[in-house]
Amino acid sequence: MMKKVLKISFRDSKDVISFIEYLNKNISRENIYVISEGNNVKIILKEFEKSRILASRIKKIYQEWKNLYYGKEGKKIPLIFVLREADLKVAIPLSAINDILNLKGYVSKIEDKYLISDIDLDTLKELVSIFSEKYSECLLLKADPLAKRLVSVLATVKGINIDESIRLLLNLGLLKIDEKDKKYILARSYDRCIGILAKSNSLL
C-alpha cells in the first residue's frame, strides 16, 4: 500500500519533543506514524487516499507550532490553545488576558483568534489559570460585569485577594458603589481604568 512521508527538521531535540507533543494534542494518531530521528521528525501517513488532507493539516499544525515558539513579532498563540492548556475554573473574557499581560509589562495584543505576545507559555498558562480562579470568585460579587472583570484583573496582576483588589480600586477612584442598587460599578469606562492602572507603575 502506498504511503506518503513528511520529514521536518528542527534545531535540536527539545524542539522535536515540543513539536511531537503539540502534534499529538492537535491531530489523531490513528492515521499517522511519527518517528523521531535525531533532530528530524518523520511522519508517515497511513491512508494514501487522505494523504493530501492530512499533509495539509500537519503543515498547518507545524506552522502554528513555529508561531508559538519562534514568531518574529512575538509568539502567535491561538486563543483556543490558551484556553485548552490553562486550568480554567470558569469561562473567562478573552480580552482580559491581554489587559493582564500589558499590566504585567509584557508586549501583547489580540489579533483575530490569536494572542501575540513575548510571554513564555508556562507563565501565560499560570496567569490565565489564576485569572480564571479570581474571576470565579467574583461571580457571586454584587457588581456589574465590567466591575467584576476589573477586580479580577487587578487581583491577578498584583497577586492579591478579591477584597484587597476592591479596596484598592475604591481608593483609586476607579470603583464605586451604586447607592440605588447597592452594588459595585466602575467609576470610569473600563478602558480608562486599565489605562490609569497601566500608568501607575509604583502601584503595579
Protein backbone atom coordinates (compact mmCIF):
# COMPACT_ATOMS: atom_id res chain seq x y z
CA MET A 1 0.00 0.00 0.00
CA MET A 2 1.37 3.43 -0.96
CA LYS A 3 2.19 5.83 1.86
CA LYS A 4 3.14 9.48 1.93
CA VAL A 5 6.00 10.60 4.18
CA LEU A 6 6.63 14.08 5.59
CA LYS A 7 10.02 14.96 7.03
CA ILE A 8 10.61 18.04 9.21
CA SER A 9 13.97 19.22 10.56
CA PHE A 10 14.38 21.05 13.89
CA ARG A 11 17.13 22.97 15.66
CA ASP A 12 17.54 20.47 18.49
CA SER A 13 15.95 17.53 20.29
CA LYS A 14 13.95 19.82 22.61
CA ASP A 15 12.12 21.24 19.60
CA VAL A 16 11.48 17.71 18.36
CA ILE A 17 9.84 16.76 21.65
CA SER A 18 7.90 20.02 21.82
CA PHE A 19 6.53 19.63 18.28
CA ILE A 20 5.52 15.99 18.76
CA GLU A 21 3.65 16.94 21.96
CA TYR A 22 1.87 19.74 20.11
CA LEU A 23 1.08 17.46 17.18
CA ASN A 24 -0.40 14.82 19.50
CA LYS A 25 -2.75 17.40 21.01
CA ASN A 26 -4.00 18.59 17.65
CA ILE A 27 -4.38 15.53 15.43
CA SER A 28 -5.43 11.91 15.86
CA ARG A 29 -2.60 9.39 15.68
CA GLU A 30 -4.98 6.91 14.09
CA ASN A 31 -3.85 7.64 10.53
CA ILE A 32 -0.20 8.58 11.10
CA TYR A 33 3.05 7.15 12.41
CA VAL A 34 5.53 9.58 13.96
CA ILE A 35 9.23 8.69 14.09
CA SER A 36 11.92 10.93 15.58
CA GLU A 37 15.46 10.60 14.23
CA GLY A 38 17.93 12.96 15.91
CA ASN A 39 16.76 16.50 15.08
CA ASN A 40 14.28 15.26 12.47
CA VAL A 41 10.71 14.04 12.64
CA LYS A 42 9.34 11.66 10.03
CA ILE A 43 5.55 11.49 9.73
CA ILE A 44 4.14 8.57 7.77
CA LEU A 45 0.56 8.96 6.56
CA LYS A 46 -1.14 5.58 6.63
CA GLU A 47 -4.04 6.24 4.27
CA PHE A 48 -2.73 7.43 0.92
CA GLU A 49 -6.17 8.48 -0.33
CA LYS A 50 -6.45 11.01 2.53
CA SER A 51 -2.78 11.96 2.48
CA ARG A 52 -3.28 15.34 0.84
CA ILE A 53 -5.76 16.45 3.51
CA LEU A 54 -3.64 15.03 6.33
CA ALA A 55 -0.45 16.59 4.95
CA SER A 56 -2.13 19.98 4.72
CA ARG A 57 -3.37 19.68 8.31
CA ILE A 58 0.07 18.67 9.59
CA LYS A 59 1.76 21.56 7.78
CA LYS A 60 -0.73 23.94 9.37
CA ILE A 61 -0.02 22.46 12.82
CA TYR A 62 3.72 22.82 12.20
CA GLN A 63 3.26 26.49 11.27
CA GLU A 64 1.17 27.08 14.41
CA TRP A 65 3.91 25.46 16.49
CA LYS A 66 6.57 27.69 14.87
CA ASN A 67 4.47 30.76 15.62
CA LEU A 68 4.11 29.66 19.23
CA TYR A 69 7.84 29.45 19.82
CA TYR A 70 9.57 31.47 17.12
CA GLY A 71 7.18 34.20 15.94
CA LYS A 72 9.08 37.25 14.63
CA GLU A 73 6.77 39.74 16.36
CA GLY A 74 6.32 37.60 19.45
CA LYS A 75 4.69 34.24 19.86
CA LYS A 76 1.47 33.92 17.86
CA ILE A 77 -0.63 31.84 20.21
CA PRO A 78 -4.07 30.51 19.19
CA LEU A 79 -6.56 31.57 21.85
CA ILE A 80 -8.08 28.11 21.78
CA PHE A 81 -4.63 26.77 22.75
CA VAL A 82 -4.51 29.15 25.73
CA LEU A 83 -7.94 28.03 26.94
CA ARG A 84 -7.16 24.36 26.44
CA GLU A 85 -3.83 24.46 28.27
CA ALA A 86 -4.86 26.61 31.24
CA ASP A 87 -6.65 25.25 34.30
CA LEU A 88 -9.94 27.10 33.93
CA LYS A 89 -12.42 27.24 36.80
CA VAL A 90 -14.98 29.15 34.70
CA ALA A 91 -15.23 30.67 31.24
CA ILE A 92 -13.34 33.97 31.05
CA PRO A 93 -13.47 37.13 28.93
CA LEU A 94 -10.58 36.67 26.49
CA SER A 95 -9.76 40.36 26.13
CA ALA A 96 -8.94 40.45 29.86
CA ILE A 97 -5.94 38.19 29.19
CA ASN A 98 -4.44 40.93 27.06
CA ASP A 99 -5.12 43.51 29.79
CA ILE A 100 -3.35 41.35 32.38
CA LEU A 101 -0.29 40.82 30.20
CA ASN A 102 0.03 44.51 29.36
CA LEU A 103 -0.29 45.48 33.03
CA LYS A 104 2.38 42.90 33.87
CA GLY A 105 4.73 44.59 31.39
CA TYR A 106 4.55 42.11 28.52
CA VAL A 107 4.17 43.17 24.91
CA SER A 108 0.78 41.77 23.97
CA LYS A 109 -2.13 42.19 21.58
CA ILE A 110 -5.03 40.12 20.28
CA GLU A 111 -5.48 39.77 16.54
CA ASP A 112 -8.29 37.68 15.12
CA LYS A 113 -8.11 34.36 17.01
CA TYR A 114 -4.53 34.79 18.19
CA LEU A 115 -2.69 36.29 21.13
CA ILE A 116 0.62 37.82 20.03
CA SER A 117 2.97 38.25 22.97
CA ASP A 118 6.54 37.92 24.17
CA ILE A 119 5.46 35.95 27.26
CA ASP A 120 6.66 32.37 27.75
CA LEU A 121 3.91 29.77 27.54
CA ASP A 122 4.26 28.39 31.07
CA THR A 123 3.85 31.86 32.60
CA LEU A 124 0.89 32.54 30.31
CA LYS A 125 -0.87 29.34 31.37
CA GLU A 126 -0.25 30.17 35.02
CA LEU A 127 -1.63 33.71 34.73
CA VAL A 128 -4.73 32.60 32.80
CA SER A 129 -5.40 29.88 35.39
CA ILE A 130 -5.06 32.40 38.24
CA PHE A 131 -7.34 34.87 36.47
CA SER A 132 -9.98 32.19 35.96
CA GLU A 133 -9.87 31.40 39.68
CA LYS A 134 -10.16 35.09 40.64
CA TYR A 135 -12.96 35.60 38.12
CA SER A 136 -14.87 32.62 39.51
CA GLU A 137 -14.64 34.17 42.98
CA CYS A 138 -16.19 37.37 41.62
CA LEU A 139 -19.23 35.71 40.08
CA LEU A 140 -21.19 35.96 43.32
CA LEU A 141 -19.98 39.52 43.94
CA LYS A 142 -22.76 42.10 43.74
CA ALA A 143 -21.24 44.11 40.92
CA ASP A 144 -21.61 44.95 37.25
CA PRO A 145 -19.87 42.53 34.84
CA LEU A 146 -17.12 45.02 33.94
CA ALA A 147 -16.52 45.79 37.60
CA LYS A 148 -16.09 42.06 38.27
CA ARG A 149 -13.65 41.87 35.38
CA LEU A 150 -11.56 44.79 36.62
CA VAL A 151 -11.45 43.46 40.18
CA SER A 152 -10.31 40.06 38.88
CA VAL A 153 -7.71 41.55 36.55
CA LEU A 154 -6.11 43.64 39.30
CA ALA A 155 -6.18 40.74 41.76
CA THR A 156 -4.37 38.60 39.18
CA VAL A 157 -1.77 41.24 38.30
CA LYS A 158 -0.90 42.06 41.93
CA GLY A 159 -1.37 38.57 43.36
CA ILE A 160 -3.89 39.77 45.95
CA ASN A 161 -7.32 38.55 47.02
CA ILE A 162 -10.64 39.93 45.80
CA ASP A 163 -11.34 42.06 48.91
CA GLU A 164 -7.92 43.71 48.66
CA SER A 165 -8.46 44.40 44.98
CA ILE A 166 -11.83 46.03 45.69
CA ARG A 167 -10.35 48.25 48.41
CA LEU A 168 -7.52 49.33 46.16
CA LEU A 169 -9.85 50.18 43.27
CA LEU A 170 -12.13 52.14 45.60
CA ASN A 171 -9.15 54.11 46.94
CA LEU A 172 -8.02 54.86 43.38
CA GLY A 173 -11.47 56.14 42.47
CA LEU A 174 -11.90 53.52 39.76
CA LEU A 175 -14.66 51.66 41.56
CA LYS A 176 -17.69 52.98 43.42
CA ILE A 177 -20.91 51.75 44.99
CA ASP A 178 -24.19 52.37 43.24
CA GLU A 179 -26.32 53.58 46.15
CA LYS A 180 -29.54 52.69 44.39
CA ASP A 181 -28.75 49.06 43.62
CA LYS A 182 -26.12 48.64 46.35
CA LYS A 183 -23.56 47.10 44.02
CA TYR A 184 -20.08 47.88 42.75
CA ILE A 185 -19.81 49.70 39.44
CA LEU A 186 -16.96 51.32 37.53
CA ALA A 187 -16.39 54.99 38.19
CA ARG A 188 -14.93 55.39 34.69
CA SER A 189 -15.01 53.39 31.47
CA TYR A 190 -13.28 50.01 31.64
CA ASP A 191 -10.62 51.00 29.10
CA ARG A 192 -9.93 54.21 31.02
CA CYS A 193 -9.50 52.25 34.24
CA ILE A 194 -7.00 49.93 32.56
CA GLY A 195 -5.14 52.94 31.20
CA ILE A 196 -4.89 54.52 34.67
CA LEU A 197 -3.63 51.26 36.16
CA ALA A 198 -1.05 50.97 33.39
CA LYS A 199 0.34 54.40 34.24
CA SER A 200 0.53 53.59 37.95
CA ASN A 201 3.90 51.83 37.76
CA SER A 202 4.53 52.11 41.50
CA LEU A 203 1.14 50.51 42.15
CA LEU A 204 1.70 47.51 39.89
